[in-house]
C-alpha cells in the first residue's frame, strides 16, 4: 500500500506544470499531449509507470516519465523532450535523469510508446511498450504507428490519454 501511495504521489507531481511559467499563456497553448499511469506484468514481475508530455504551439515539448520494477527495486526517471502523436498513439523519447541501476545510467536515451484505446466499459484496454534504451532513436524516427504493433502490451490497470 505504501508503494502505491508513493507512486500515486509521483504521478501527481508529473501532472504539475513543467517549467518556470515565464512564457505568456498564448505561447504555451498545448497542441498535443499524452499522459497516463498504470501497471503491467509483460510476462515479467509487476512494473509501474507514469508519464505526462505536452507539445506546445511553439513546438517545444516538455514532460516526464517514472518507471518502477517492483521485483528488482529499479526506479528510473526520464525527462521527455520529444512527443510524436499519430491518431491514438503517442511515441515519446528523452533522457534518463535519475536511476538507481547501473544497467540504465543517467544520461541514457529512452524511447517508448502508448496507445489510447478509448473510454468506457466496452473499450479495449490501453497499451504500452517497454522503454527501450541505447537505440539512439527519437520519437519522430517512428513515422507509422503500425510499426509499434508487435511491441505493444495491454496494461492491467491504469489509464492512458492521447490528445492531438
N, C-alpha and C. Protein backbone atom coordinates (compact mmCIF):
# COMPACT_ATOMS: atom_id res chain seq x y z
N UNK A 1 0.82 -1.19 0.00
CA UNK A 1 0.00 0.00 0.00
C UNK A 1 0.87 1.25 0.00
N UNK A 2 1.97 1.21 0.79
CA UNK A 2 2.85 2.37 0.87
C UNK A 2 3.47 2.67 -0.49
N UNK A 3 3.90 1.63 -1.24
CA UNK A 3 4.48 1.83 -2.57
C UNK A 3 3.45 2.44 -3.51
N UNK A 4 2.19 1.99 -3.41
CA UNK A 4 1.14 2.53 -4.27
C UNK A 4 0.93 4.00 -3.99
N UNK A 5 0.91 4.41 -2.72
CA UNK A 5 0.75 5.81 -2.36
C UNK A 5 1.92 6.65 -2.85
N UNK A 6 3.13 6.14 -2.72
CA UNK A 6 4.31 6.85 -3.20
C UNK A 6 4.22 7.01 -4.71
N UNK A 7 3.83 5.96 -5.42
CA UNK A 7 3.75 6.03 -6.87
C UNK A 7 2.67 7.01 -7.31
N UNK A 8 1.52 7.02 -6.62
CA UNK A 8 0.46 7.97 -6.95
C UNK A 8 0.93 9.41 -6.71
N UNK A 9 1.71 9.62 -5.67
CA UNK A 9 2.27 10.95 -5.41
C UNK A 9 3.21 11.36 -6.52
N UNK A 10 4.05 10.42 -6.98
CA UNK A 10 4.95 10.71 -8.10
C UNK A 10 4.16 11.04 -9.35
N UNK A 11 3.07 10.32 -9.59
CA UNK A 11 2.25 10.60 -10.77
C UNK A 11 1.64 11.98 -10.68
N UNK A 12 1.15 12.36 -9.51
CA UNK A 12 0.57 13.69 -9.34
C UNK A 12 1.61 14.76 -9.63
N UNK A 13 2.86 14.54 -9.23
CA UNK A 13 3.90 15.53 -9.49
C UNK A 13 4.21 15.61 -10.99
N UNK A 14 4.01 14.50 -11.72
CA UNK A 14 4.23 14.53 -13.17
C UNK A 14 3.19 15.40 -13.86
N UNK A 15 1.99 15.48 -13.29
CA UNK A 15 0.94 16.27 -13.89
C UNK A 15 1.06 17.75 -13.58
N UNK A 16 1.93 18.10 -12.64
CA UNK A 16 2.14 19.50 -12.30
C UNK A 16 2.76 20.22 -13.49
N UNK A 17 2.50 21.52 -13.63
CA UNK A 17 3.07 22.26 -14.76
C UNK A 17 4.58 22.15 -14.78
N UNK A 18 5.14 22.00 -15.99
CA UNK A 18 6.57 21.89 -16.18
C UNK A 18 7.09 23.25 -16.60
N UNK A 19 8.24 23.66 -16.07
CA UNK A 19 8.86 24.91 -16.47
C UNK A 19 8.59 25.99 -15.45
N UNK A 20 9.17 27.15 -15.70
CA UNK A 20 9.08 28.24 -14.76
C UNK A 20 7.89 29.15 -14.96
N UNK A 21 7.07 28.90 -15.96
CA UNK A 21 5.90 29.72 -16.16
C UNK A 21 6.23 31.12 -16.65
N UNK A 22 7.36 31.31 -17.32
CA UNK A 22 7.77 32.63 -17.76
C UNK A 22 7.21 32.99 -19.13
N UNK A 23 6.63 32.06 -19.87
CA UNK A 23 6.08 32.35 -21.17
C UNK A 23 4.65 32.87 -21.03
N UNK A 24 4.23 33.75 -21.94
CA UNK A 24 2.83 34.17 -21.93
C UNK A 24 1.93 32.97 -22.20
N UNK A 25 0.71 33.02 -21.70
CA UNK A 25 -0.21 31.90 -21.87
C UNK A 25 -0.45 31.58 -23.34
N UNK A 26 -0.54 32.57 -24.21
CA UNK A 26 -0.80 32.32 -25.62
C UNK A 26 0.32 31.50 -26.25
N UNK A 27 1.55 31.71 -25.82
CA UNK A 27 2.69 30.98 -26.40
C UNK A 27 2.76 29.55 -25.88
N UNK A 28 2.08 29.26 -24.79
CA UNK A 28 2.20 27.94 -24.18
C UNK A 28 0.98 27.06 -24.45
N UNK A 29 0.14 27.42 -25.41
CA UNK A 29 -1.04 26.61 -25.71
C UNK A 29 -0.61 25.20 -26.11
N UNK A 30 -1.28 24.21 -25.55
CA UNK A 30 -0.94 22.81 -25.82
C UNK A 30 -1.59 22.35 -27.12
N UNK A 31 -0.79 21.80 -28.02
CA UNK A 31 -1.30 21.26 -29.27
C UNK A 31 -1.53 19.76 -29.18
N UNK A 32 -0.61 19.05 -28.52
CA UNK A 32 -0.71 17.60 -28.37
C UNK A 32 -0.30 17.24 -26.95
N UNK A 33 -0.85 16.14 -26.46
CA UNK A 33 -0.45 15.68 -25.13
C UNK A 33 -0.65 14.18 -25.01
N UNK A 34 0.08 13.62 -24.08
CA UNK A 34 -0.07 12.20 -23.72
C UNK A 34 0.22 12.10 -22.23
N UNK A 35 -0.62 11.38 -21.52
CA UNK A 35 -0.39 11.18 -20.09
C UNK A 35 -1.00 9.85 -19.69
N UNK A 36 -0.51 9.34 -18.60
CA UNK A 36 -1.05 8.07 -18.14
C UNK A 36 -0.29 7.51 -16.96
N UNK A 37 -0.86 6.45 -16.42
CA UNK A 37 -0.25 5.72 -15.31
C UNK A 37 -0.82 4.31 -15.34
N UNK A 38 -0.14 3.40 -14.72
CA UNK A 38 -0.68 2.06 -14.66
C UNK A 38 0.32 1.02 -14.24
N UNK A 39 -0.12 -0.23 -14.40
CA UNK A 39 0.69 -1.38 -14.05
C UNK A 39 0.62 -2.39 -15.18
N UNK A 40 1.71 -3.12 -15.35
CA UNK A 40 1.76 -4.15 -16.37
C UNK A 40 2.78 -5.20 -15.95
N UNK A 41 2.51 -6.45 -16.28
CA UNK A 41 3.45 -7.53 -15.98
C UNK A 41 4.36 -7.83 -17.16
N UNK A 42 3.84 -7.82 -18.37
CA UNK A 42 4.61 -8.15 -19.58
C UNK A 42 5.28 -9.51 -19.46
N UNK A 43 4.65 -10.43 -18.76
CA UNK A 43 5.24 -11.75 -18.56
C UNK A 43 6.38 -11.72 -17.57
N UNK A 44 6.59 -10.58 -16.99
CA UNK A 44 7.69 -10.36 -16.05
C UNK A 44 7.10 -9.88 -14.72
N UNK A 45 7.94 -9.59 -13.75
CA UNK A 45 7.42 -9.03 -12.50
C UNK A 45 6.68 -7.72 -12.74
N UNK A 46 5.81 -7.37 -11.82
CA UNK A 46 4.98 -6.18 -11.92
C UNK A 46 5.81 -4.92 -12.12
N UNK A 47 5.38 -4.10 -13.07
CA UNK A 47 6.03 -2.82 -13.34
C UNK A 47 4.99 -1.72 -13.26
N UNK A 48 5.36 -0.60 -12.68
CA UNK A 48 4.52 0.58 -12.61
C UNK A 48 5.08 1.63 -13.55
N UNK A 49 4.20 2.47 -14.09
CA UNK A 49 4.66 3.57 -14.93
C UNK A 49 3.73 4.76 -14.75
N UNK A 50 4.28 5.94 -14.98
CA UNK A 50 3.51 7.18 -15.01
C UNK A 50 4.25 8.13 -15.94
N UNK A 51 3.50 8.88 -16.73
CA UNK A 51 4.14 9.81 -17.66
C UNK A 51 3.18 10.95 -18.00
N UNK A 52 3.75 12.04 -18.45
CA UNK A 52 2.99 13.18 -18.92
C UNK A 52 3.89 13.96 -19.87
N UNK A 53 3.38 14.28 -21.06
CA UNK A 53 4.16 15.05 -22.03
C UNK A 53 3.22 15.94 -22.83
N UNK A 54 3.69 17.13 -23.17
CA UNK A 54 2.91 18.07 -23.98
C UNK A 54 3.78 18.70 -25.05
N UNK A 55 3.17 18.97 -26.19
CA UNK A 55 3.80 19.75 -27.26
C UNK A 55 3.02 21.06 -27.32
N UNK A 56 3.73 22.17 -27.17
CA UNK A 56 3.11 23.49 -27.19
C UNK A 56 3.06 24.04 -28.60
N UNK A 57 2.31 25.12 -28.76
CA UNK A 57 2.15 25.73 -30.08
C UNK A 57 3.47 26.24 -30.66
N UNK A 58 4.45 26.50 -29.80
CA UNK A 58 5.76 26.94 -30.31
C UNK A 58 6.66 25.76 -30.70
N UNK A 59 6.14 24.53 -30.60
CA UNK A 59 6.89 23.34 -30.99
C UNK A 59 7.68 22.70 -29.86
N UNK A 60 7.78 23.36 -28.73
CA UNK A 60 8.55 22.80 -27.62
C UNK A 60 7.79 21.65 -26.97
N UNK A 61 8.55 20.70 -26.44
CA UNK A 61 7.99 19.53 -25.75
C UNK A 61 8.53 19.50 -24.34
N UNK A 62 7.65 19.25 -23.40
CA UNK A 62 8.06 19.10 -22.01
C UNK A 62 7.33 17.91 -21.42
N UNK A 63 8.02 17.16 -20.60
CA UNK A 63 7.37 16.02 -19.98
C UNK A 63 8.31 15.20 -19.13
N UNK A 64 7.71 14.24 -18.44
CA UNK A 64 8.44 13.37 -17.53
C UNK A 64 7.83 11.98 -17.56
N UNK A 65 8.62 11.00 -17.21
CA UNK A 65 8.13 9.64 -17.03
C UNK A 65 8.84 9.02 -15.84
N UNK A 66 8.13 8.21 -15.09
CA UNK A 66 8.68 7.49 -13.95
C UNK A 66 8.39 6.02 -14.16
N UNK A 67 9.41 5.19 -14.03
CA UNK A 67 9.28 3.74 -14.22
C UNK A 67 9.74 3.02 -12.96
N UNK A 68 9.06 1.92 -12.64
CA UNK A 68 9.43 1.15 -11.46
C UNK A 68 9.24 -0.34 -11.74
N UNK A 69 10.25 -1.14 -11.43
CA UNK A 69 10.15 -2.59 -11.50
C UNK A 69 10.11 -3.07 -10.05
N UNK A 70 8.96 -3.54 -9.61
CA UNK A 70 8.78 -3.89 -8.20
C UNK A 70 9.61 -5.09 -7.78
N UNK A 71 9.92 -5.98 -8.70
CA UNK A 71 10.69 -7.17 -8.33
C UNK A 71 12.15 -6.84 -8.06
N UNK A 72 12.71 -5.93 -8.87
CA UNK A 72 14.13 -5.62 -8.72
C UNK A 72 14.38 -4.38 -7.87
N UNK A 73 13.33 -3.59 -7.65
CA UNK A 73 13.50 -2.34 -6.91
C UNK A 73 13.97 -1.19 -7.79
N UNK A 74 14.07 -1.43 -9.11
CA UNK A 74 14.51 -0.38 -10.02
C UNK A 74 13.51 0.77 -10.05
N UNK A 75 14.03 1.98 -9.99
CA UNK A 75 13.24 3.19 -10.20
C UNK A 75 14.05 4.11 -11.11
N UNK A 76 13.41 4.59 -12.17
CA UNK A 76 14.08 5.48 -13.09
C UNK A 76 13.17 6.63 -13.50
N UNK A 77 13.78 7.75 -13.83
CA UNK A 77 13.05 8.95 -14.23
C UNK A 77 13.58 9.41 -15.59
N UNK A 78 12.66 9.75 -16.49
CA UNK A 78 13.02 10.20 -17.83
C UNK A 78 12.49 11.62 -18.03
N UNK A 79 13.35 12.50 -18.52
CA UNK A 79 12.92 13.83 -18.94
C UNK A 79 12.55 13.71 -20.42
N UNK A 80 11.26 13.86 -20.73
CA UNK A 80 10.78 13.70 -22.11
C UNK A 80 10.99 15.00 -22.87
N UNK A 81 11.63 14.89 -24.04
CA UNK A 81 11.86 16.07 -24.86
C UNK A 81 11.37 15.91 -26.30
N UNK A 82 10.67 14.79 -26.58
CA UNK A 82 10.13 14.54 -27.91
C UNK A 82 8.79 13.81 -27.78
N UNK A 83 7.78 14.33 -28.46
CA UNK A 83 6.44 13.74 -28.44
C UNK A 83 5.93 13.71 -29.87
N UNK A 84 5.55 12.52 -30.33
CA UNK A 84 5.03 12.32 -31.68
C UNK A 84 3.67 11.64 -31.56
N UNK A 85 2.58 12.40 -31.77
CA UNK A 85 1.23 11.87 -31.67
C UNK A 85 0.72 11.54 -33.07
N UNK A 86 0.29 10.29 -33.24
CA UNK A 86 -0.27 9.81 -34.51
C UNK A 86 -1.59 9.12 -34.17
N UNK A 87 -2.69 9.82 -34.43
CA UNK A 87 -4.02 9.32 -34.09
C UNK A 87 -4.10 9.06 -32.58
N UNK A 88 -4.29 7.80 -32.19
CA UNK A 88 -4.42 7.46 -30.76
C UNK A 88 -3.12 6.90 -30.17
N UNK A 89 -2.02 7.06 -30.89
CA UNK A 89 -0.71 6.56 -30.45
C UNK A 89 0.22 7.75 -30.19
N UNK A 90 0.97 7.66 -29.11
CA UNK A 90 1.99 8.67 -28.81
C UNK A 90 3.32 7.96 -28.60
N UNK A 91 4.33 8.46 -29.28
CA UNK A 91 5.70 7.98 -29.10
C UNK A 91 6.44 9.09 -28.37
N UNK A 92 7.16 8.73 -27.32
CA UNK A 92 7.91 9.71 -26.52
C UNK A 92 9.34 9.26 -26.36
N UNK A 93 10.24 10.23 -26.33
CA UNK A 93 11.64 9.91 -26.07
C UNK A 93 12.25 11.01 -25.22
N UNK A 94 13.37 10.66 -24.60
CA UNK A 94 14.05 11.61 -23.75
C UNK A 94 15.29 11.00 -23.14
N UNK A 95 15.70 11.58 -22.02
CA UNK A 95 16.96 11.20 -21.37
C UNK A 95 16.70 10.82 -19.92
N UNK A 96 17.37 9.76 -19.47
CA UNK A 96 17.27 9.33 -18.07
C UNK A 96 17.95 10.39 -17.21
N UNK A 97 17.21 10.91 -16.23
CA UNK A 97 17.76 11.93 -15.33
C UNK A 97 17.98 11.40 -13.92
N UNK A 98 17.40 10.25 -13.61
CA UNK A 98 17.62 9.62 -12.31
C UNK A 98 17.44 8.12 -12.48
N UNK A 99 18.32 7.35 -11.84
CA UNK A 99 18.24 5.90 -11.93
C UNK A 99 18.98 5.29 -10.75
N UNK A 100 18.43 4.21 -10.22
CA UNK A 100 19.13 3.51 -9.14
C UNK A 100 19.78 2.22 -9.66
N UNK A 101 20.01 2.15 -10.99
CA UNK A 101 20.60 0.95 -11.59
C UNK A 101 21.73 1.33 -12.53
N UNK A 102 22.85 0.65 -12.39
CA UNK A 102 23.97 0.89 -13.31
C UNK A 102 23.66 0.36 -14.71
N UNK A 103 22.65 -0.51 -14.84
CA UNK A 103 22.27 -1.03 -16.15
C UNK A 103 21.57 0.05 -16.99
N UNK A 104 21.03 1.07 -16.33
CA UNK A 104 20.38 2.18 -17.03
C UNK A 104 20.89 3.48 -16.40
N UNK A 105 22.08 3.90 -16.80
CA UNK A 105 22.69 5.07 -16.15
C UNK A 105 22.05 6.39 -16.57
N UNK A 106 22.21 7.39 -15.72
CA UNK A 106 21.78 8.74 -16.02
C UNK A 106 22.45 9.16 -17.32
N UNK A 107 21.69 9.81 -18.20
CA UNK A 107 22.19 10.25 -19.50
C UNK A 107 21.82 9.31 -20.64
N UNK A 108 21.31 8.12 -20.33
CA UNK A 108 20.89 7.18 -21.37
C UNK A 108 19.67 7.72 -22.11
N UNK A 109 19.60 7.43 -23.41
CA UNK A 109 18.41 7.80 -24.17
C UNK A 109 17.35 6.72 -23.98
N UNK A 110 16.09 7.13 -23.99
CA UNK A 110 14.96 6.21 -23.83
C UNK A 110 13.89 6.56 -24.84
N UNK A 111 13.17 5.56 -25.29
CA UNK A 111 12.03 5.76 -26.18
C UNK A 111 10.96 4.74 -25.81
N UNK A 112 9.70 5.18 -25.79
CA UNK A 112 8.58 4.27 -25.53
C UNK A 112 7.33 4.84 -26.20
N UNK A 113 6.31 4.00 -26.31
CA UNK A 113 5.07 4.41 -26.96
C UNK A 113 3.87 3.90 -26.17
N UNK A 114 2.74 4.59 -26.36
CA UNK A 114 1.49 4.20 -25.73
C UNK A 114 0.37 4.28 -26.76
N UNK A 115 -0.69 3.54 -26.50
CA UNK A 115 -1.87 3.60 -27.36
C UNK A 115 -3.11 3.76 -26.49
N UNK A 116 -3.88 4.80 -26.76
CA UNK A 116 -5.13 5.10 -26.06
C UNK A 116 -6.25 4.43 -26.85
N UNK A 117 -6.87 3.41 -26.27
CA UNK A 117 -7.91 2.65 -26.96
C UNK A 117 -9.33 3.08 -26.60
N UNK A 118 -9.48 4.29 -26.07
CA UNK A 118 -10.81 4.82 -25.80
C UNK A 118 -11.23 4.68 -24.36
N UNK A 119 -12.45 5.09 -24.13
CA UNK A 119 -13.00 5.13 -22.78
C UNK A 119 -14.23 4.23 -22.67
N UNK A 120 -14.59 3.92 -21.47
CA UNK A 120 -15.83 3.19 -21.22
C UNK A 120 -15.63 1.70 -21.07
N UNK A 121 -16.68 1.04 -20.61
CA UNK A 121 -16.58 -0.40 -20.31
C UNK A 121 -16.40 -1.27 -21.54
N UNK A 122 -16.79 -0.80 -22.71
CA UNK A 122 -16.66 -1.61 -23.92
C UNK A 122 -15.37 -1.35 -24.68
N UNK A 123 -14.59 -0.38 -24.24
CA UNK A 123 -13.33 -0.05 -24.92
C UNK A 123 -12.26 -1.06 -24.53
N UNK A 124 -11.42 -1.45 -25.48
CA UNK A 124 -10.31 -2.34 -25.13
C UNK A 124 -9.32 -1.63 -24.21
N UNK A 125 -8.54 -2.38 -23.48
CA UNK A 125 -7.55 -1.79 -22.56
C UNK A 125 -6.50 -1.02 -23.34
N UNK A 126 -5.97 0.03 -22.73
CA UNK A 126 -4.89 0.80 -23.33
C UNK A 126 -3.62 -0.05 -23.36
N UNK A 127 -2.62 0.40 -24.14
CA UNK A 127 -1.41 -0.38 -24.33
C UNK A 127 -0.16 0.48 -24.20
N UNK A 128 0.96 -0.19 -23.90
CA UNK A 128 2.25 0.48 -23.74
C UNK A 128 3.36 -0.45 -24.22
N UNK A 129 4.47 0.12 -24.66
CA UNK A 129 5.65 -0.67 -24.98
C UNK A 129 6.59 -0.63 -23.78
N UNK A 130 7.59 -1.46 -23.81
CA UNK A 130 8.70 -1.30 -22.89
C UNK A 130 9.40 0.01 -23.22
N UNK A 131 10.18 0.53 -22.31
CA UNK A 131 11.05 1.67 -22.60
C UNK A 131 12.36 1.09 -23.11
N UNK A 132 12.75 1.49 -24.31
CA UNK A 132 13.97 0.99 -24.94
C UNK A 132 15.08 2.00 -24.78
N UNK A 133 16.24 1.52 -24.38
CA UNK A 133 17.39 2.39 -24.09
C UNK A 133 18.54 2.11 -25.06
N UNK A 134 19.30 3.17 -25.34
CA UNK A 134 20.53 3.00 -26.11
C UNK A 134 20.35 2.77 -27.60
N UNK A 135 19.16 3.03 -28.13
CA UNK A 135 18.93 2.82 -29.56
C UNK A 135 19.30 4.04 -30.40
N UNK A 136 19.46 5.18 -29.76
CA UNK A 136 19.76 6.40 -30.49
C UNK A 136 18.58 6.93 -31.29
N UNK A 137 17.37 6.50 -30.95
CA UNK A 137 16.16 6.94 -31.66
C UNK A 137 15.47 8.06 -30.89
N UNK A 138 14.84 8.96 -31.64
CA UNK A 138 13.95 9.94 -31.04
C UNK A 138 12.54 9.64 -31.53
N UNK A 139 11.55 10.22 -30.90
CA UNK A 139 10.16 9.87 -31.18
C UNK A 139 9.76 10.05 -32.63
N UNK A 140 10.31 11.03 -33.31
CA UNK A 140 9.95 11.27 -34.70
C UNK A 140 10.58 10.27 -35.67
N UNK A 141 11.45 9.39 -35.17
CA UNK A 141 12.01 8.33 -36.02
C UNK A 141 10.99 7.22 -36.28
N UNK A 142 9.86 7.25 -35.59
CA UNK A 142 8.79 6.26 -35.79
C UNK A 142 7.69 6.96 -36.60
N UNK A 143 7.65 6.77 -37.93
CA UNK A 143 6.72 7.51 -38.78
C UNK A 143 5.32 6.88 -38.89
N UNK A 144 5.18 5.62 -38.48
CA UNK A 144 3.93 4.90 -38.69
C UNK A 144 3.61 4.08 -37.44
N UNK A 145 2.45 4.33 -36.81
CA UNK A 145 2.11 3.57 -35.60
C UNK A 145 2.01 2.07 -35.82
N UNK A 146 1.79 1.63 -37.05
CA UNK A 146 1.70 0.18 -37.33
C UNK A 146 3.02 -0.52 -37.01
N UNK A 147 4.13 0.22 -37.06
CA UNK A 147 5.43 -0.37 -36.73
C UNK A 147 5.51 -0.79 -35.26
N UNK A 148 4.66 -0.22 -34.43
CA UNK A 148 4.71 -0.49 -32.99
C UNK A 148 3.88 -1.69 -32.55
N UNK A 149 2.99 -2.15 -33.40
CA UNK A 149 2.05 -3.22 -33.02
C UNK A 149 2.73 -4.41 -32.34
N UNK A 150 3.85 -4.93 -32.84
CA UNK A 150 4.45 -6.10 -32.17
C UNK A 150 5.02 -5.79 -30.78
N UNK A 151 5.17 -4.52 -30.45
CA UNK A 151 5.80 -4.14 -29.19
C UNK A 151 4.82 -3.65 -28.13
N UNK A 152 3.53 -3.56 -28.46
CA UNK A 152 2.53 -3.05 -27.52
C UNK A 152 2.02 -4.17 -26.62
N UNK A 153 1.89 -3.86 -25.34
CA UNK A 153 1.36 -4.77 -24.34
C UNK A 153 0.17 -4.12 -23.65
N UNK A 154 -0.84 -4.91 -23.36
CA UNK A 154 -2.03 -4.41 -22.67
C UNK A 154 -1.70 -4.07 -21.22
N UNK A 155 -2.13 -2.87 -20.78
CA UNK A 155 -1.92 -2.53 -19.37
C UNK A 155 -3.00 -3.23 -18.55
N UNK A 156 -2.65 -3.62 -17.34
CA UNK A 156 -3.57 -4.35 -16.49
C UNK A 156 -4.45 -3.44 -15.67
N UNK A 157 -3.94 -2.29 -15.31
CA UNK A 157 -4.73 -1.29 -14.62
C UNK A 157 -4.13 0.07 -14.95
N UNK A 158 -4.96 1.09 -14.85
CA UNK A 158 -4.49 2.43 -15.15
C UNK A 158 -5.25 3.04 -16.31
N UNK A 159 -4.73 4.14 -16.81
CA UNK A 159 -5.39 4.89 -17.86
C UNK A 159 -4.36 5.64 -18.69
N UNK A 160 -4.55 5.67 -19.98
CA UNK A 160 -3.70 6.42 -20.89
C UNK A 160 -4.58 7.37 -21.69
N UNK A 161 -4.14 8.61 -21.83
CA UNK A 161 -4.85 9.61 -22.62
C UNK A 161 -3.88 10.17 -23.67
N UNK A 162 -4.30 10.13 -24.93
CA UNK A 162 -3.51 10.73 -26.02
C UNK A 162 -4.44 11.72 -26.70
N UNK A 163 -3.95 12.97 -26.82
CA UNK A 163 -4.76 14.02 -27.44
C UNK A 163 -3.97 14.76 -28.49
N UNK A 164 -4.64 15.05 -29.60
CA UNK A 164 -3.99 15.85 -30.65
C UNK A 164 -4.88 17.00 -31.04
